[in-house]
Amino acid sequence: MFTTRHTNPRRVLGLAAAVAALFMGAATVAAAGAPSASTEPSPTTEPVSTADTGMTDDSGMTDDSGMTDHSAMDDMSGESTPPGADGSAEASSPEAEAFCSAELAAEAASGSEDPAVFEPAFEALLAAAPAEIAPAVEEFIANGESGPGDPAFDEPYAEVIEYMRGNCGYAELNLVASDYEFGGLSPEVTAGPTIISMENIGEEVHEIALFRFNDDVTMTAEELLALPEEEAFANVTPAGFAFVFPGAVGNTVVDFTAGRYVALCFLPEGALPEVMAQMEGPESTTPPGVELGPPHFTLGMMHEFQVA
């Protein structure tokens, strides 16, 4: 995505630091007027799996079979699913457990700028992949430069997520992004490895950038975002990131440790799929004639929560 479209595999599972940097200038100006994040999740519907819905095309939209029936929006509790579909929180096999651990490590390593950190993590992930999922792992790593929104990335990564959902025994957190709100994110989340799925029911592109406040930090998210970029990022640790076009579902896997977190969307008001497509490339400039508004987090997509 824009300045984060690197030519190395860390782009595949990359965290939001570069995206945040892209819009941090606007963020610091608007932060003073940013609304406090609501602690009450909005009525939402559980996201459908990308494996079941048809993947995004070049416009970022799914086909008709991929749309969700929102008549059941009241069914979602906003609670994370307990680890393990059968309540066991155990992987389905030693082979699955090794792969799930390697994937979680790759997610964490993807936030590093150092090839000596992320390259071995992705090599270990591929080496640990069971035969039935190895082709998808190889494909999404190979297409890491494309990133979310491109079927070449989305489809194999969705296969990996579905494998993990069925075999890792991890908790699940199902969210809904709208213009401009995170639905389904409660004030408290249980610690541990968690598969996060976020469906975008809005008209604009959205992301969820998760940061853990460093243990000695007491400032609020609003105070954090009012700081200069370098100082702000020195007070938090990236924890996870998902990017999703309208009508699609984005995924990530996060190993939540106890502490205080904030979820943010740094994309600007007016981030329609066609605008985002025009902003691709090394310069990441706004297309001629397009006026973008403040970051989405200033409009409500900012949510502090506790992990315990």
Protein backbone atom coordinates (compact mmCIF):
# COMPACT_ATOMS: atom_id res chain seq x y z
CA MET A 1 0.00 0.00 0.00
CA PHE A 2 1.65 3.20 -1.21
CA THR A 3 5.00 3.74 0.58
CA THR A 4 4.64 0.30 2.20
CA ARG A 5 4.77 -1.54 -1.14
CA HIS A 6 8.22 -2.99 -0.62
CA THR A 7 9.83 -5.74 -2.65
CA ASN A 8 10.41 -8.00 0.33
CA PRO A 9 8.04 -10.49 2.03
CA ARG A 10 7.54 -8.38 5.13
CA ARG A 11 5.02 -6.41 3.07
CA VAL A 12 2.80 -9.46 3.15
CA LEU A 13 2.18 -9.30 6.86
CA GLY A 14 3.57 -5.81 7.36
CA LEU A 15 2.47 -3.73 10.31
CA ALA A 16 1.16 -0.21 10.00
CA ALA A 17 4.19 1.92 10.82
CA ALA A 18 4.81 3.08 7.28
CA VAL A 19 1.11 3.68 6.69
CA ALA A 20 0.93 5.68 9.88
CA ALA A 21 3.94 7.71 8.81
CA LEU A 22 2.26 8.52 5.51
CA PHE A 23 -0.60 10.31 7.23
CA MET A 24 0.98 11.29 10.56
CA GLY A 25 1.43 14.89 9.44
CA ALA A 26 -2.30 15.27 9.04
CA ALA A 27 -2.87 13.23 12.17
CA THR A 28 -0.94 15.54 14.45
CA VAL A 29 -2.89 18.54 13.20
CA ALA A 30 -6.25 16.86 13.64
CA ALA A 31 -5.57 14.93 16.85
CA ALA A 32 -6.59 17.74 19.15
CA GLY A 33 -10.10 17.57 17.80
CA ALA A 34 -10.27 13.80 17.55
CA PRO A 35 -13.28 12.25 19.27
CA SER A 36 -12.69 9.78 22.08
CA ALA A 37 -13.13 6.20 20.95
CA SER A 38 -16.40 4.64 21.94
CA THR A 39 -16.20 1.72 24.33
CA GLU A 40 -19.48 0.32 23.07
CA PRO A 41 -19.25 -1.79 19.91
CA SER A 42 -21.76 -0.91 17.24
CA PRO A 43 -24.28 -3.50 16.08
CA THR A 44 -22.41 -5.65 13.63
CA THR A 45 -22.50 -8.88 11.79
CA GLU A 46 -19.89 -11.59 11.96
CA PRO A 47 -17.62 -11.31 8.94
CA VAL A 48 -17.82 -14.00 6.35
CA SER A 49 -14.63 -15.82 5.51
CA THR A 50 -12.80 -14.71 2.42
CA ALA A 51 -12.50 -18.36 1.55
CA ASP A 52 -16.27 -18.51 1.19
CA THR A 53 -17.03 -15.19 -0.44
CA GLY A 54 -15.08 -14.69 -3.64
CA MET A 55 -12.03 -12.51 -3.51
CA THR A 56 -11.55 -8.88 -4.36
CA ASP A 57 -11.14 -7.86 -7.97
CA ASP A 58 -9.07 -4.92 -9.15
CA SER A 59 -11.64 -2.48 -7.78
CA GLY A 60 -11.40 -4.10 -4.36
CA MET A 61 -15.03 -5.33 -4.47
CA THR A 62 -16.21 -8.91 -4.16
CA ASP A 63 -18.62 -10.53 -6.51
CA ASP A 64 -22.29 -10.96 -5.61
CA SER A 65 -21.67 -14.23 -3.81
CA GLY A 66 -19.25 -12.50 -1.49
CA MET A 67 -21.65 -10.00 0.03
CA THR A 68 -22.87 -10.42 3.57
CA ASP A 69 -26.50 -10.53 4.65
CA HIS A 70 -26.63 -7.64 7.09
CA SER A 71 -30.14 -8.49 8.24
CA ALA A 72 -28.42 -10.47 11.00
CA MET A 73 -26.39 -7.53 12.29
CA ASP A 74 -27.69 -7.88 15.84
CA ASP A 75 -26.19 -11.35 16.19
CA MET A 76 -22.62 -10.23 16.84
CA SER A 77 -21.62 -9.86 20.47
CA GLY A 78 -18.30 -8.09 19.98
CA GLU A 79 -16.63 -10.76 22.13
CA SER A 80 -13.63 -12.74 20.99
CA THR A 81 -14.27 -16.43 20.41
CA PRO A 82 -12.68 -18.66 23.07
CA PRO A 83 -9.52 -20.44 21.88
CA GLY A 84 -10.26 -23.61 19.99
CA ALA A 85 -13.55 -24.34 18.30
CA ASP A 86 -13.95 -27.28 20.67
CA GLY A 87 -12.79 -25.27 23.67
CA SER A 88 -9.46 -27.09 23.86
CA ALA A 89 -7.16 -24.26 22.71
CA GLU A 90 -4.87 -26.95 21.32
CA ALA A 91 -3.55 -27.35 17.80
CA SER A 92 -4.95 -30.21 15.75
CA SER A 93 -1.53 -31.91 15.42
CA PRO A 94 2.14 -31.35 16.25
CA GLU A 95 2.71 -30.40 12.60
CA ALA A 96 -0.07 -27.81 12.77
CA GLU A 97 1.28 -26.47 16.05
CA ALA A 98 4.74 -25.97 14.53
CA PHE A 99 3.28 -24.14 11.54
CA CYS A 100 1.01 -21.95 13.67
CA SER A 101 3.96 -20.94 15.85
CA ALA A 102 6.05 -20.16 12.77
CA GLU A 103 3.26 -18.06 11.25
CA LEU A 104 2.83 -16.11 14.47
CA ALA A 105 6.59 -15.46 14.53
CA ALA A 106 6.47 -14.31 10.89
CA GLU A 107 3.66 -11.88 11.72
CA ALA A 108 5.81 -10.37 14.45
CA ALA A 109 9.00 -10.29 12.38
CA SER A 110 7.22 -8.59 9.49
CA GLY A 111 7.30 -5.31 11.39
CA SER A 112 11.08 -5.19 11.19
CA GLU A 113 13.00 -3.20 8.58
CA ASP A 114 15.93 -5.59 8.94
CA PRO A 115 16.13 -8.41 6.35
CA ALA A 116 18.14 -10.39 8.88
CA VAL A 117 14.98 -10.48 11.01
CA PHE A 118 12.11 -10.98 8.57
CA GLU A 119 13.74 -13.15 5.91
CA PRO A 120 14.57 -16.07 8.27
CA ALA A 121 11.07 -15.83 9.75
CA PHE A 122 9.43 -16.29 6.35
CA GLU A 123 11.87 -19.05 5.43
CA ALA A 124 10.95 -20.84 8.67
CA LEU A 125 7.26 -20.34 7.91
CA LEU A 126 7.57 -22.00 4.52
CA ALA A 127 9.69 -24.81 5.94
CA ALA A 128 7.07 -25.52 8.61
CA ALA A 129 4.08 -25.46 6.24
CA PRO A 130 2.16 -28.76 6.02
CA ALA A 131 1.82 -30.12 2.50
CA GLU A 132 -1.80 -29.03 2.06
CA ILE A 133 -1.06 -25.38 2.83
CA ALA A 134 2.53 -25.05 1.54
CA PRO A 135 1.53 -23.85 -1.99
CA ALA A 136 -0.59 -21.04 -0.51
CA VAL A 137 2.22 -20.00 1.83
CA GLU A 138 4.72 -19.92 -1.02
CA GLU A 139 2.29 -17.94 -3.18
CA PHE A 140 1.43 -15.21 -0.69
CA ILE A 141 5.09 -14.73 0.20
CA ALA A 142 5.97 -14.49 -3.49
CA ASN A 143 3.22 -11.91 -3.99
CA GLY A 144 4.04 -9.87 -0.92
CA GLU A 145 4.73 -6.77 -2.99
CA SER A 146 1.14 -6.76 -4.24
CA GLY A 147 -0.32 -6.75 -0.76
CA PRO A 148 -3.95 -6.69 0.43
CA GLY A 149 -6.50 -5.82 -2.21
CA ASP A 150 -4.77 -7.88 -4.88
CA PRO A 151 -6.18 -11.40 -5.35
CA ALA A 152 -2.65 -12.69 -5.89
CA PHE A 153 -2.04 -11.90 -2.24
CA ASP A 154 -5.55 -12.11 -0.76
CA GLU A 155 -6.50 -15.58 -1.97
CA PRO A 156 -3.48 -17.56 -0.69
CA TYR A 157 -3.32 -15.55 2.53
CA ALA A 158 -7.02 -16.30 3.11
CA GLU A 159 -6.22 -20.00 2.66
CA VAL A 160 -3.55 -19.73 5.34
CA ILE A 161 -5.97 -17.97 7.68
CA GLU A 162 -8.61 -20.65 7.11
CA TYR A 163 -6.06 -23.37 7.84
CA MET A 164 -5.08 -21.62 11.05
CA ARG A 165 -8.72 -21.13 12.02
CA GLY A 166 -9.30 -24.85 11.74
CA ASN A 167 -6.02 -26.14 13.16
CA CYS A 168 -4.28 -23.69 15.50
CA GLY A 169 -6.79 -23.50 18.34
CA TYR A 170 -6.36 -19.70 18.49
CA ALA A 171 -8.99 -17.28 19.70
CA GLU A 172 -10.89 -15.33 17.06
CA LEU A 173 -11.90 -11.67 17.01
CA ASN A 174 -14.47 -10.69 14.39
CA LEU A 175 -14.69 -6.98 13.62
CA VAL A 176 -16.59 -4.75 11.22
CA ALA A 177 -15.21 -1.51 9.78
CA SER A 178 -17.64 1.18 8.65
CA ASP A 179 -17.40 4.87 7.78
CA TYR A 180 -16.06 5.66 10.41
CA GLU A 181 -16.14 3.13 13.23
CA PHE A 182 -14.69 -0.16 14.44
CA GLY A 183 -17.53 -2.48 15.35
CA GLY A 184 -17.10 -5.51 17.56
CA LEU A 185 -14.00 -4.33 19.42
CA SER A 186 -14.73 -4.53 23.13
CA PRO A 187 -13.02 -2.56 25.91
CA GLU A 188 -11.22 -5.74 27.00
CA VAL A 189 -9.64 -8.54 24.94
CA THR A 190 -8.22 -11.81 26.24
CA ALA A 191 -4.46 -12.26 25.96
CA GLY A 192 -3.05 -14.89 23.63
CA PRO A 193 -2.74 -15.68 19.91
CA THR A 194 -5.79 -14.32 18.11
CA ILE A 195 -7.02 -14.50 14.53
CA ILE A 196 -8.57 -11.15 13.62
CA SER A 197 -11.02 -10.80 10.74
CA MET A 198 -12.39 -7.40 9.78
CA GLU A 199 -15.18 -6.94 7.27
CA ASN A 200 -15.50 -3.56 5.58
CA ILE A 201 -19.15 -2.53 5.16
CA GLY A 202 -18.30 1.10 4.41
CA GLU A 203 -17.69 2.86 1.12
CA GLU A 204 -14.05 3.77 1.84
CA VAL A 205 -10.97 1.60 2.24
CA HIS A 206 -10.14 0.95 5.90
CA GLU A 207 -7.35 -0.54 7.96
CA ILE A 208 -6.89 -1.52 11.55
CA ALA A 209 -3.46 -0.65 12.92
CA LEU A 210 -2.94 -2.12 16.38
CA PHE A 211 -0.35 -0.69 18.75
CA ARG A 212 0.55 -1.68 22.30
CA PHE A 213 1.44 1.20 24.61
CA ASN A 214 4.83 0.67 26.20
CA ASP A 215 4.53 -0.28 29.86
CA ASP A 216 5.74 3.06 31.20
CA VAL A 217 3.42 5.16 28.99
CA THR A 218 0.39 6.74 30.66
CA MET A 219 -0.75 9.16 27.95
CA THR A 220 -3.99 8.71 26.07
CA ALA A 221 -4.19 7.91 22.38
CA GLU A 222 -5.13 11.52 21.67
CA GLU A 223 -2.04 12.74 23.51
CA LEU A 224 0.11 10.18 21.72
CA LEU A 225 -1.06 11.27 18.29
CA ALA A 226 -0.42 14.92 19.08
CA LEU A 227 3.30 14.16 19.38
CA PRO A 228 5.79 14.40 16.51
CA GLU A 229 5.90 11.19 14.50
CA GLU A 230 9.21 9.84 15.78
CA GLU A 231 8.33 10.55 19.40
CA ALA A 232 4.88 9.03 19.04
CA PHE A 233 6.20 5.74 17.69
CA ALA A 234 8.80 5.60 20.45
CA ASN A 235 5.96 5.20 22.96
CA VAL A 236 4.20 2.24 21.33
CA THR A 237 4.98 -1.12 19.75
CA PRO A 238 3.22 -2.23 16.54
CA ALA A 239 1.11 -5.30 17.24
CA GLY A 240 -0.84 -6.06 14.07
CA PHE A 241 -2.34 -4.70 10.90
CA ALA A 242 -5.14 -5.51 8.46
CA PHE A 243 -6.15 -3.58 5.35
CA VAL A 244 -9.50 -4.11 3.65
CA PHE A 245 -11.41 -2.79 0.65
CA PRO A 246 -15.18 -2.21 0.77
CA GLY A 247 -17.14 -5.44 0.57
CA ALA A 248 -14.14 -7.58 1.51
CA VAL A 249 -12.65 -9.12 4.65
CA GLY A 250 -9.12 -8.45 5.89
CA ASN A 251 -7.24 -10.78 8.24
CA THR A 252 -4.27 -10.79 10.54
CA VAL A 253 -2.98 -12.83 13.46
CA VAL A 254 -1.82 -11.14 16.66
CA ASP A 255 -0.23 -12.57 19.79
CA PHE A 256 -1.83 -10.29 22.37
CA THR A 257 0.16 -9.78 25.54
CA ALA A 258 -1.29 -8.07 28.60
CA GLY A 259 -1.29 -4.30 28.41
CA ARG A 260 -3.01 -1.27 26.92
CA TYR A 261 -3.65 -1.06 23.18
CA VAL A 262 -5.09 1.30 20.62
CA ALA A 263 -6.68 0.49 17.27
CA LEU A 264 -6.42 3.18 14.59
CA CYS A 265 -7.26 3.77 10.96
CA PHE A 266 -4.77 6.21 9.44
CA LEU A 267 -6.31 6.34 5.99
CA PRO A 268 -7.76 9.75 5.05
CA GLU A 269 -11.37 10.71 4.57
CA GLY A 270 -12.13 10.15 0.91
CA ALA A 271 -10.06 6.96 0.68
CA LEU A 272 -12.27 5.39 -1.96
CA PRO A 273 -10.90 2.32 -3.79
CA GLU A 274 -10.31 4.23 -7.00
CA VAL A 275 -8.43 6.97 -5.13
CA MET A 276 -6.26 4.45 -3.31
CA ALA A 277 -5.44 2.75 -6.62
CA GLN A 278 -4.26 6.06 -8.06
CA MET A 279 -2.04 6.64 -5.03
CA GLU A 280 -0.03 3.45 -5.53
CA GLY A 281 3.64 3.86 -6.23
CA PRO A 282 6.79 5.21 -4.59
CA GLU A 283 5.60 8.81 -4.35
CA SER A 284 2.18 8.04 -2.80
CA THR A 285 0.88 11.44 -3.84
CA THR A 286 -2.74 12.54 -3.93
CA PRO A 287 -4.17 12.31 -7.46
CA PRO A 288 -4.77 15.64 -9.23
CA GLY A 289 -8.15 17.12 -8.39
CA VAL A 290 -8.69 14.86 -5.38
CA GLU A 291 -9.01 16.41 -1.94
CA LEU A 292 -8.56 14.07 0.98
CA GLY A 293 -9.84 14.81 4.46
CA PRO A 294 -8.41 14.10 7.91
CA PRO A 295 -7.37 10.61 9.03
CA HIS A 296 -10.22 8.25 9.83
CA PHE A 297 -9.15 8.02 13.46
CA THR A 298 -10.09 11.67 13.92
CA LEU A 299 -13.59 10.78 12.70
CA GLY A 300 -14.11 7.95 15.16
CA MET A 301 -11.85 5.06 14.14
CA MET A 302 -9.75 5.15 17.28
CA HIS A 303 -10.36 2.63 20.04
CA GLU A 304 -8.34 2.06 23.19
CA PHE A 305 -8.69 -1.33 24.85
CA GLN A 306 -7.10 -3.47 27.52
CA VAL A 307 -5.64 -6.93 27.06
CA ALA A 308 -5.69 -9.12 30.15
